Protein backbone atom coordinates (compact mmCIF):
# COMPACT_ATOMS: atom_id res chain seq x y z
CA UNK A 1 7.21 -28.58 -0.73
CA UNK A 2 8.15 -27.27 2.71
CA UNK A 3 6.78 -23.96 3.98
CA UNK A 4 10.23 -22.36 3.98
CA UNK A 5 10.78 -23.32 0.35
CA UNK A 6 7.37 -21.98 -0.60
CA UNK A 7 8.15 -18.64 1.02
CA UNK A 8 11.55 -18.39 -0.66
CA UNK A 9 10.18 -19.44 -4.05
CA UNK A 10 7.23 -17.05 -3.77
CA UNK A 11 9.55 -14.16 -2.89
CA UNK A 12 11.94 -15.01 -5.74
CA UNK A 13 9.17 -15.38 -8.33
CA UNK A 14 7.36 -12.20 -7.28
CA UNK A 15 10.49 -10.05 -7.43
CA UNK A 16 11.73 -11.68 -10.64
CA UNK A 17 8.44 -11.30 -12.50
CA UNK A 18 8.09 -7.70 -11.32
CA UNK A 19 11.64 -6.99 -12.48
CA UNK A 20 10.83 -8.39 -15.93
CA UNK A 21 7.88 -5.95 -16.15
CA UNK A 22 10.08 -3.06 -15.00
CA UNK A 23 12.83 -3.94 -17.49
CA UNK A 24 10.32 -4.10 -20.33
CA UNK A 25 9.02 -0.61 -19.58
CA UNK A 26 12.54 0.70 -18.93
CA UNK A 27 13.58 -0.49 -22.40
CA UNK A 28 10.51 1.23 -23.85
CA UNK A 29 11.57 4.54 -22.35
CA UNK A 30 9.94 4.44 -18.93
CA UNK A 31 6.50 5.60 -17.82
CA UNK A 32 5.99 8.45 -20.24
CA UNK A 33 2.21 8.81 -20.05
CA UNK A 34 -0.80 7.82 -17.95
CA UNK A 35 -1.66 4.83 -20.17
CA UNK A 36 1.82 3.35 -19.74
CA UNK A 37 1.69 4.01 -16.00
CA UNK A 38 -1.68 2.27 -15.70
CA UNK A 39 -0.63 -0.73 -17.80
CA UNK A 40 2.66 -1.03 -15.90
CA UNK A 41 0.85 -0.86 -12.56
CA UNK A 42 -1.69 -3.50 -13.55
CA UNK A 43 0.90 -5.95 -14.86
CA UNK A 44 3.25 -5.42 -11.93
CA UNK A 45 0.62 -5.67 -9.21
CA UNK A 46 -0.53 -9.05 -10.48
CA UNK A 47 2.92 -10.66 -10.32
CA UNK A 48 2.43 -11.82 -6.69
CA UNK A 49 -0.87 -13.46 -7.68
CA UNK A 50 0.81 -15.15 -10.64
CA UNK A 51 3.56 -16.40 -8.33
CA UNK A 52 0.97 -17.93 -6.00
CA UNK A 53 -0.70 -19.69 -8.94
CA UNK A 54 2.66 -21.05 -10.17
CA UNK A 55 3.46 -22.48 -6.74
CA UNK A 56 0.06 -23.80 -5.64
CA UNK A 57 -2.14 -23.89 -8.73
CA UNK A 58 -5.16 -21.75 -9.66
CA UNK A 59 -7.49 -23.60 -7.28
CA UNK A 60 -5.91 -21.81 -4.31
CA UNK A 61 -7.44 -18.49 -5.43
CA UNK A 62 -10.86 -19.63 -4.21
CA UNK A 63 -9.51 -19.36 -0.66
CA UNK A 64 -9.02 -15.60 -1.02
CA UNK A 65 -12.32 -14.50 -2.52
CA UNK A 66 -14.60 -15.32 0.41
CA UNK A 67 -17.25 -12.64 0.86
CA UNK A 68 -20.22 -12.19 3.19
CA UNK A 69 -21.88 -9.27 4.98
CA UNK A 70 -19.02 -8.97 7.49
CA UNK A 71 -16.39 -8.95 4.73
CA UNK A 72 -18.38 -6.37 2.74
CA UNK A 73 -18.73 -4.12 5.80
CA UNK A 74 -15.02 -4.26 6.63
CA UNK A 75 -14.19 -3.81 2.94
CA UNK A 76 -16.08 -0.51 2.92
CA UNK A 77 -14.68 0.54 6.31
CA UNK A 78 -11.01 -0.29 5.69
CA UNK A 79 -10.21 2.80 3.55
CA UNK A 80 -11.08 4.99 6.53
CA UNK A 81 -7.91 3.72 8.20
CA UNK A 82 -5.94 5.45 5.46
CA UNK A 83 -7.75 8.68 6.27
CA UNK A 84 -6.73 8.20 9.90
CA UNK A 85 -3.07 7.92 8.91
CA UNK A 86 -3.45 10.84 6.53
CA UNK A 87 -4.94 12.92 9.34
CA UNK A 88 -2.02 12.05 11.61
CA UNK A 89 0.38 13.05 8.83
CA UNK A 90 -1.38 16.40 8.40
CA UNK A 91 -1.27 16.97 12.16
CA UNK A 92 2.46 16.25 12.29
CA UNK A 93 3.03 18.52 9.30
CA UNK A 94 1.14 21.36 10.99
CA UNK A 95 3.02 20.91 14.27
CA UNK A 96 6.37 20.88 12.46
CA UNK A 97 5.43 23.90 10.36
CA UNK A 98 5.76 22.12 7.02
CA UNK A 99 2.06 22.04 6.08
CA UNK A 100 1.80 24.08 2.88
CA UNK A 101 -0.91 24.11 0.22
CA UNK A 102 1.11 26.08 -2.33
CA UNK A 103 2.02 22.92 -4.25
CA UNK A 104 -1.62 21.94 -4.55
CA UNK A 105 -2.57 25.48 -5.51
CA UNK A 106 0.04 25.37 -8.29
CA UNK A 107 -1.56 22.20 -9.64
CA UNK A 108 -4.96 23.90 -9.51
CA UNK A 109 -3.72 26.89 -11.48
CA UNK A 110 -2.31 24.55 -14.13
CA UNK A 111 -5.54 22.56 -14.45
CA UNK A 112 -8.06 24.05 -16.92
CA UNK A 113 -11.28 24.89 -15.12
CA UNK A 114 -9.99 23.90 -11.69
CA UNK A 115 -8.57 27.31 -10.91
CA UNK A 116 -12.06 28.61 -10.09
CA UNK A 117 -12.34 26.23 -7.13
CA UNK A 118 -11.26 27.08 -3.61
CA UNK A 119 -8.31 24.93 -2.58
CA UNK A 120 -10.22 23.41 0.35
CA UNK A 121 -13.07 22.41 -1.94
CA UNK A 122 -10.50 20.77 -4.17
CA UNK A 123 -9.01 18.89 -1.22
CA UNK A 124 -12.49 17.69 -0.22
CA UNK A 125 -13.17 16.44 -3.74
CA UNK A 126 -9.86 14.59 -3.80
CA UNK A 127 -10.62 12.89 -0.48
CA UNK A 128 -14.09 11.82 -1.62
CA UNK A 129 -12.90 10.56 -5.00
CA UNK A 130 -10.00 8.72 -3.34
CA UNK A 131 -12.48 6.64 -1.36
CA UNK A 132 -14.45 5.78 -4.48
CA UNK A 133 -11.31 4.82 -6.40
CA UNK A 134 -10.02 2.91 -3.39
CA UNK A 135 -12.98 0.54 -3.26
CA UNK A 136 -13.34 0.14 -7.03
CA UNK A 137 -10.60 0.39 -9.67
CA UNK A 138 -7.66 0.66 -7.27
CA UNK A 139 -8.88 -2.31 -5.24
CA UNK A 140 -9.14 -4.35 -8.45
CA UNK A 141 -5.48 -3.59 -9.10
CA UNK A 142 -4.42 -4.13 -5.48
CA UNK A 143 -6.02 -7.57 -5.15
CA UNK A 144 -3.19 -8.96 -7.27
CA UNK A 145 -0.71 -7.96 -4.57
CA UNK A 146 -2.92 -8.72 -1.58
CA UNK A 147 -3.45 -12.33 -2.59
CA UNK A 148 0.34 -12.58 -2.42
CA UNK A 149 1.26 -10.48 0.63
CA UNK A 150 -1.66 -10.72 3.03
CA UNK A 151 -2.95 -13.96 1.53
CA UNK A 152 -0.41 -16.61 0.60
CA UNK A 153 2.69 -15.16 2.30
CA UNK A 154 0.95 -14.33 5.59
CA UNK A 155 -0.72 -17.75 5.69
CA UNK A 156 2.58 -19.55 5.14
CA UNK A 157 4.34 -17.50 7.84
CA UNK A 158 1.55 -18.12 10.32
CA UNK A 159 1.78 -21.86 9.66
CA UNK A 160 5.27 -21.89 11.23
CA UNK A 161 3.98 -20.12 14.35
CA UNK A 162 5.93 -16.88 14.17
CA UNK A 163 4.70 -13.97 16.27
CA UNK A 164 2.46 -11.40 14.61
CA UNK A 165 5.19 -8.78 14.92
CA UNK A 166 7.67 -10.99 13.05
CA UNK A 167 5.08 -11.74 10.38
CA UNK A 168 4.41 -8.04 9.89
CA UNK A 169 8.11 -7.21 9.55
CA UNK A 170 8.74 -10.04 7.09
CA UNK A 171 5.67 -9.36 4.95
CA UNK A 172 6.31 -5.61 4.99
CA UNK A 173 9.99 -6.07 4.12
CA UNK A 174 9.29 -8.35 1.17
CA UNK A 175 6.54 -6.00 0.01
CA UNK A 176 8.98 -3.09 0.11
CA UNK A 177 11.91 -4.90 -1.51
CA UNK A 178 9.56 -6.07 -4.27
CA UNK A 179 9.37 -2.38 -5.28
CA UNK A 180 13.18 -2.03 -5.46
CA UNK A 181 13.53 -2.78 -9.22
CA UNK A 182 10.86 -0.18 -10.02
CA UNK A 183 12.61 2.42 -7.86
CA UNK A 184 16.02 1.70 -9.39
CA UNK A 185 14.98 1.35 -13.04
CA UNK A 186 12.03 3.72 -13.28
CA UNK A 187 12.54 6.09 -10.36
CA UNK A 188 9.23 4.99 -8.87
CA UNK A 189 8.34 7.36 -6.00
CA UNK A 190 11.98 8.42 -5.55
CA UNK A 191 13.31 9.74 -8.86
CA UNK A 192 16.17 11.69 -7.28
CA UNK A 193 17.30 9.37 -4.45
CA UNK A 194 16.76 5.83 -5.67
CA UNK A 195 19.02 3.87 -3.31
CA UNK A 196 17.75 5.80 -0.30
CA UNK A 197 14.26 5.35 -1.67
CA UNK A 198 14.50 1.55 -1.42
CA UNK A 199 15.30 1.81 2.30
CA UNK A 200 12.64 4.43 3.01
CA UNK A 201 9.93 2.68 1.02
CA UNK A 202 10.64 -0.64 2.75
CA UNK A 203 10.23 1.07 6.12
CA UNK A 204 7.07 2.68 4.75
CA UNK A 205 5.58 -0.66 3.68
CA UNK A 206 6.48 -2.24 7.02
CA UNK A 207 4.74 0.60 8.84
CA UNK A 208 1.58 0.20 6.72
CA UNK A 209 1.50 -3.60 6.93
CA UNK A 210 -0.14 -3.90 10.38
CA UNK A 211 -3.34 -2.27 9.11
CA UNK A 212 -3.51 -4.72 6.21
CA UNK A 213 -2.98 -7.65 8.56
CA UNK A 214 -5.62 -6.36 10.99
CA UNK A 215 -8.36 -6.12 8.35
CA UNK A 216 -7.37 -9.49 6.89
CA UNK A 217 -7.57 -11.18 10.28
CA UNK A 218 -10.84 -9.67 11.50
CA UNK A 219 -12.56 -10.32 8.17
CA UNK A 220 -10.91 -13.66 7.25
CA UNK A 221 -10.57 -12.31 3.70
CA UNK A 222 -7.97 -10.44 1.65
CA UNK A 223 -10.65 -8.26 0.04
CA UNK A 224 -10.62 -5.57 2.79
CA UNK A 225 -6.84 -5.45 2.51
CA UNK A 226 -7.31 -4.70 -1.20
CA UNK A 227 -9.65 -1.75 -0.53
CA UNK A 228 -7.18 -0.47 2.08
CA UNK A 229 -4.26 -0.82 -0.32
CA UNK A 230 -6.25 0.75 -3.13
CA UNK A 231 -7.06 3.74 -0.95
CA UNK A 232 -3.41 4.27 -0.06
CA UNK A 233 -2.62 4.44 -3.76
CA UNK A 234 -5.51 6.85 -4.29
CA UNK A 235 -4.86 9.33 -1.50
CA UNK A 236 -1.24 9.20 -0.43
CA UNK A 237 0.12 11.21 -3.35
CA UNK A 238 -1.69 14.20 -1.87
CA UNK A 239 0.89 14.28 0.93
CA UNK A 240 3.50 15.34 -1.62
CA UNK A 241 1.44 18.43 -2.46
CA UNK A 242 0.73 19.63 1.07
CA UNK A 243 4.24 19.56 2.56
CA UNK A 244 7.07 21.99 1.85
CA UNK A 245 9.77 19.35 2.44
CA UNK A 246 11.21 16.65 0.21
CA UNK A 247 9.31 13.40 -0.18
CA UNK A 248 12.19 11.63 1.58
CA UNK A 249 11.31 13.58 4.72
CA UNK A 250 7.58 14.05 4.20
CA UNK A 251 4.98 11.89 2.48
CA UNK A 252 7.31 9.05 1.46
CA UNK A 253 9.84 9.45 4.20
CA UNK A 254 10.38 9.83 7.91
CA UNK A 255 7.19 11.72 8.79
CA UNK A 256 5.03 9.29 6.83
CA UNK A 257 6.66 6.28 8.49
CA UNK A 258 6.13 7.77 11.96
CA UNK A 259 2.52 8.59 11.09
CA UNK A 260 1.83 5.06 9.85
CA UNK A 261 3.48 3.49 12.88
CA UNK A 262 1.55 5.66 15.33
CA UNK A 263 -1.73 5.10 13.50
CA UNK A 264 -1.18 1.34 13.45
CA UNK A 265 -0.50 1.38 17.20
CA UNK A 266 -3.76 3.27 17.83
CA UNK A 267 -5.78 0.83 15.71
CA UNK A 268 -4.08 -2.14 17.42
CA UNK A 269 -5.01 -0.76 20.84
CA UNK A 270 -8.64 -0.25 19.79
CA UNK A 271 -8.91 -3.75 18.30
CA UNK A 272 -7.29 -5.31 21.36
CA UNK A 273 -9.72 -3.49 23.66
CA UNK A 274 -12.61 -4.68 21.50
CA UNK A 275 -11.14 -8.22 21.62
CA UNK A 276 -11.08 -8.42 17.84
CA UNK A 277 -7.47 -9.60 17.74
CA UNK A 278 -5.95 -12.16 20.13
CA UNK A 279 -3.50 -10.98 22.76
CA UNK A 280 -1.30 -14.07 22.94
CA UNK A 281 0.27 -13.70 19.47
CA UNK A 282 1.47 -10.18 20.22
C-alpha cells in the first residue's frame, strides 16, 4: 500500500471509529456522569491506535514503546512544556485584564471541605496533581492517540519528505478534525458554539502539535508525547475557571491559540540553539 493511501485510510478509519463511539454515547443520552465521560474518553482515544493496527498489524506497536533513560527523562520533563504554555496564557490574561479567579472560587465554595482552603493553595494543588495525572493515568489514555498522530501519521508524512511545518499542520489538522464528531454530537468543549468550536479546536490542536513533535523527535519515542498530551488534558480546563471571557475567546479560543503558538516558537528557538532539532527541515 502506498504512503498516501495509508495516510488517507488511517485518517478515515480514525474519524469513522471515533464517530461510532460518539454516536453510541449520543444515543445513550450523552456524557451524563464522570464514569461515562471516562469510558467514552478511553474508547475514543484508542481509535487511532486501533486504526494503526488494522492497517499495519499489531507488530508495528513495538516500534512505539521504545524506552531508555533518555526517553524516561524527556517523558518526565515534557509536561513542564504545558506549564510554560499555561504561564503564557495567564500572562496574556493578566495583560488583557481578563484574569479572574471568581469562577474557581465558586467551584471551591460548592466543593464540601474545599471552601476552607485559600484559592492560591487550591491552584497550587491543582497544578501539582495535574503533573501526576499527566504522567500516569492521563498518559495511559493519551498513548492511544499518540501512537496514531505522532507515531504512525508523522512517520508516514516524513517518509514523503514534507517539511516539518507542513507535517505539523497536517497532523494538527487531522487531530483537530478527529474531534469534530464529538463536538457536534456531544458538545465536547464547545457546548454552545459547536460549528465554531470545530474551527477553533482545530487551530488549537495545530498550535499544540509542534511541542508533541519536538518531544517525539528528540526522544525517538511517542511516550513523551503521551505525557505531554496527558498533562494538557489534566491542566488546561483550569483556564476556563481563571478567565472572565467565553471559552471561544479564552482557554479554548483565540488567546489559547496565540499562547500555544508563542510557546511553541520559544521552545523551537531553544531546541534549535541547543542543536537538538535539525535546521534544514524547517
